[in-house]
Protein backbone atom coordinates (compact mmCIF):
# COMPACT_ATOMS: atom_id res chain seq x y z
CA ALA A 1 102.56 -2.36 -79.90
CA LEU A 2 105.84 -4.31 -80.57
CA GLY A 3 108.42 -3.42 -83.23
CA PRO A 4 110.76 -0.82 -84.07
CA ARG A 5 108.59 1.93 -83.40
CA ASN A 6 108.30 0.74 -79.80
CA VAL A 7 112.08 0.65 -79.56
CA HIS A 8 113.20 4.12 -81.26
CA GLY A 9 109.72 6.11 -80.69
CA ILE A 10 109.87 7.60 -84.37
CA SER A 11 106.28 8.32 -85.52
CA ASN A 12 105.13 8.03 -89.16
CA LEU A 13 104.58 11.95 -89.02
CA GLN A 14 108.17 12.53 -87.83
CA LEU A 15 109.43 10.44 -90.72
CA TRP A 16 107.05 12.10 -93.12
CA ARG A 17 108.41 15.46 -91.94
CA ALA A 18 112.10 14.47 -91.85
CA PRO A 19 114.42 15.56 -94.73
CA ARG A 20 115.10 12.95 -97.22
CA LEU A 21 118.19 10.66 -96.86
CA GLY A 22 120.00 11.92 -99.69
CA ARG A 23 119.77 15.54 -98.33
CA ALA A 24 120.49 14.32 -94.75
CA LEU A 25 123.69 12.57 -95.72
CA ARG A 26 124.89 15.43 -97.66
CA ARG A 27 124.46 17.56 -94.62
CA LEU A 28 126.16 15.08 -92.49
CA ALA A 29 129.09 15.00 -94.81
CA GLN A 30 129.50 18.69 -94.33
CA HIS A 31 129.30 18.37 -90.43
CA LEU A 32 131.79 15.73 -90.54
CA GLU A 33 134.40 17.62 -92.25
CA GLY A 34 137.31 18.30 -89.52
CA ARG A 35 135.36 16.55 -86.70
CA VAL A 36 135.45 13.32 -84.73
CA PHE A 37 132.44 10.88 -85.47
CA THR A 38 131.67 9.38 -81.90
CA ALA A 39 128.99 6.76 -81.08
CA HIS A 40 128.25 3.62 -78.95
CA ASN A 41 128.81 0.84 -81.27
CA VAL A 42 130.12 2.78 -84.28
CA ASP A 43 130.22 -0.07 -86.62
CA PHE A 44 126.48 -0.17 -86.34
CA ASP A 45 126.13 3.55 -87.47
CA LEU A 46 128.80 3.42 -89.99
CA THR A 47 127.19 0.30 -91.76
CA PHE A 48 124.17 2.24 -92.74
CA LEU A 49 125.95 5.55 -93.28
CA ASP A 50 128.53 4.10 -95.57
CA HIS A 51 126.02 1.76 -97.51
CA ASP A 52 123.50 4.45 -97.91
CA ALA A 53 125.97 7.39 -98.99
CA GLN A 54 127.57 4.83 -101.54
CA GLU A 55 124.21 4.01 -103.06
CA ARG A 56 123.54 7.54 -103.58
CA GLY A 57 126.94 8.60 -104.75
CA ILE A 58 127.64 10.86 -101.84
CA ARG A 59 131.01 10.82 -100.77
CA LEU A 60 131.58 11.04 -96.86
CA PRO A 61 134.95 12.71 -95.98
CA ASP A 62 137.56 10.60 -94.09
CA PHE A 63 137.10 11.42 -90.44
CA PRO A 64 138.45 9.94 -87.06
CA VAL A 65 136.24 7.58 -85.25
CA VAL A 66 135.73 7.10 -81.38
CA CYS A 67 133.63 4.07 -80.24
CA THR A 68 132.57 4.31 -76.68
CA LEU A 69 131.46 0.42 -76.75
CA SER A 70 135.10 -0.43 -77.95
CA LEU A 71 136.56 1.75 -75.33
CA SER A 72 134.56 0.41 -72.65
CA ARG A 73 135.35 -3.17 -73.75
CA SER A 74 138.98 -2.32 -73.68
CA LEU A 75 138.79 -1.70 -70.03
CA ASP A 76 137.20 -5.10 -69.22
CA PRO A 77 139.61 -7.72 -70.75
CA ASN A 78 137.86 -10.51 -68.83
CA PHE A 79 134.40 -9.45 -70.21
CA SER A 80 133.01 -9.72 -66.72
CA ARG A 81 130.47 -6.48 -67.19
CA SER A 82 127.92 -5.37 -69.45
CA HIS A 83 128.91 -2.61 -72.14
CA ARG A 84 125.19 -1.84 -73.14
CA LEU A 85 124.96 1.96 -73.20
CA GLY A 86 122.10 1.85 -70.74
CA ASP A 87 124.02 -0.13 -68.21
CA LEU A 88 127.20 2.03 -68.79
CA CYS A 89 124.95 5.12 -67.92
CA VAL A 90 123.98 3.47 -64.69
CA ARG A 91 127.45 2.71 -63.80
CA TYR A 92 128.75 6.30 -64.22
CA GLY A 93 125.67 8.05 -63.02
CA ILE A 94 124.34 9.53 -66.57
CA VAL A 95 120.63 9.92 -66.79
CA LEU A 96 119.56 8.08 -69.92
CA GLU A 97 115.58 8.68 -70.04
CA ARG A 98 114.76 7.33 -73.41
CA ALA A 99 117.26 4.65 -74.54
CA HIS A 100 117.46 4.09 -78.39
CA ASP A 101 116.15 7.62 -79.01
CA ALA A 102 118.91 8.97 -81.24
CA LEU A 103 119.40 12.49 -79.56
CA GLU A 104 119.14 10.93 -76.05
CA ASP A 105 121.86 8.16 -76.97
CA ALA A 106 124.04 10.85 -78.32
CA ARG A 107 123.76 12.98 -75.50
CA ALA A 108 124.33 10.07 -73.11
CA THR A 109 127.45 8.96 -75.20
CA GLY A 110 128.83 12.38 -75.11
CA GLN A 111 128.66 12.42 -71.16
CA LEU A 112 130.03 8.81 -71.17
CA LEU A 113 133.20 9.43 -73.16
CA PRO A 114 135.03 11.59 -70.52
CA HIS A 115 134.44 8.92 -67.76
CA LEU A 116 135.83 6.19 -70.19
CA ILE A 117 138.91 8.29 -71.08
CA SER A 118 139.47 8.91 -67.53
CA GLU A 119 139.25 5.36 -66.47
CA ALA A 120 141.47 4.30 -69.37
CA GLY A 121 143.89 6.85 -68.46
CA VAL A 122 143.94 8.06 -72.24
CA THR A 123 146.21 11.22 -72.50
CA SER A 124 146.42 11.66 -76.39
CA SER A 125 144.09 11.65 -79.17
CA ASP A 126 146.17 9.12 -80.91
CA GLU A 127 145.82 6.89 -77.84
CA LEU A 128 142.13 7.52 -77.75
CA PHE A 129 141.60 6.57 -81.48
CA ASN A 130 143.62 3.36 -81.04
CA ARG A 131 141.90 2.39 -77.88
CA SER A 132 138.40 3.01 -79.06
CA ALA A 133 138.78 1.79 -82.64
CA PRO A 134 135.70 -0.11 -83.67
CA ARG A 135 136.22 -3.46 -85.44
CA SER A 136 135.89 -2.05 -88.74
CA ARG A 137 138.64 0.25 -88.54
CA ARG A 138 141.31 -1.62 -86.40
CA ARG A 139 144.62 -1.97 -88.20
């Protein structure tokens, strides 16, 4: 079967058992307090989170953002390499068993980040935030 389920592997039963979106967003807002939101292609995730939180009147806290896609692209000014999460995992020897599975992608992104920080020579959080800022948060 083709389609979203084939990509992310989420079944109808998992959706039925999952918490409602408003509840999940309120829990996320609590978890984001004092933490750094890190993802590969942060703009993609933030587009959904911001829209859905606003639609439900849920205020997400201000939080710093690190985008491993932006950081990887900053290391390749000639755009000569792929920056897809799966390709980066291969490049850095990170096992990614189920691409597009949220937990697997998050785990792989967490393992990828130190490699990118090291390759970029990043030595401070300010430098990391500047080098990895997604398009939506660039100054």
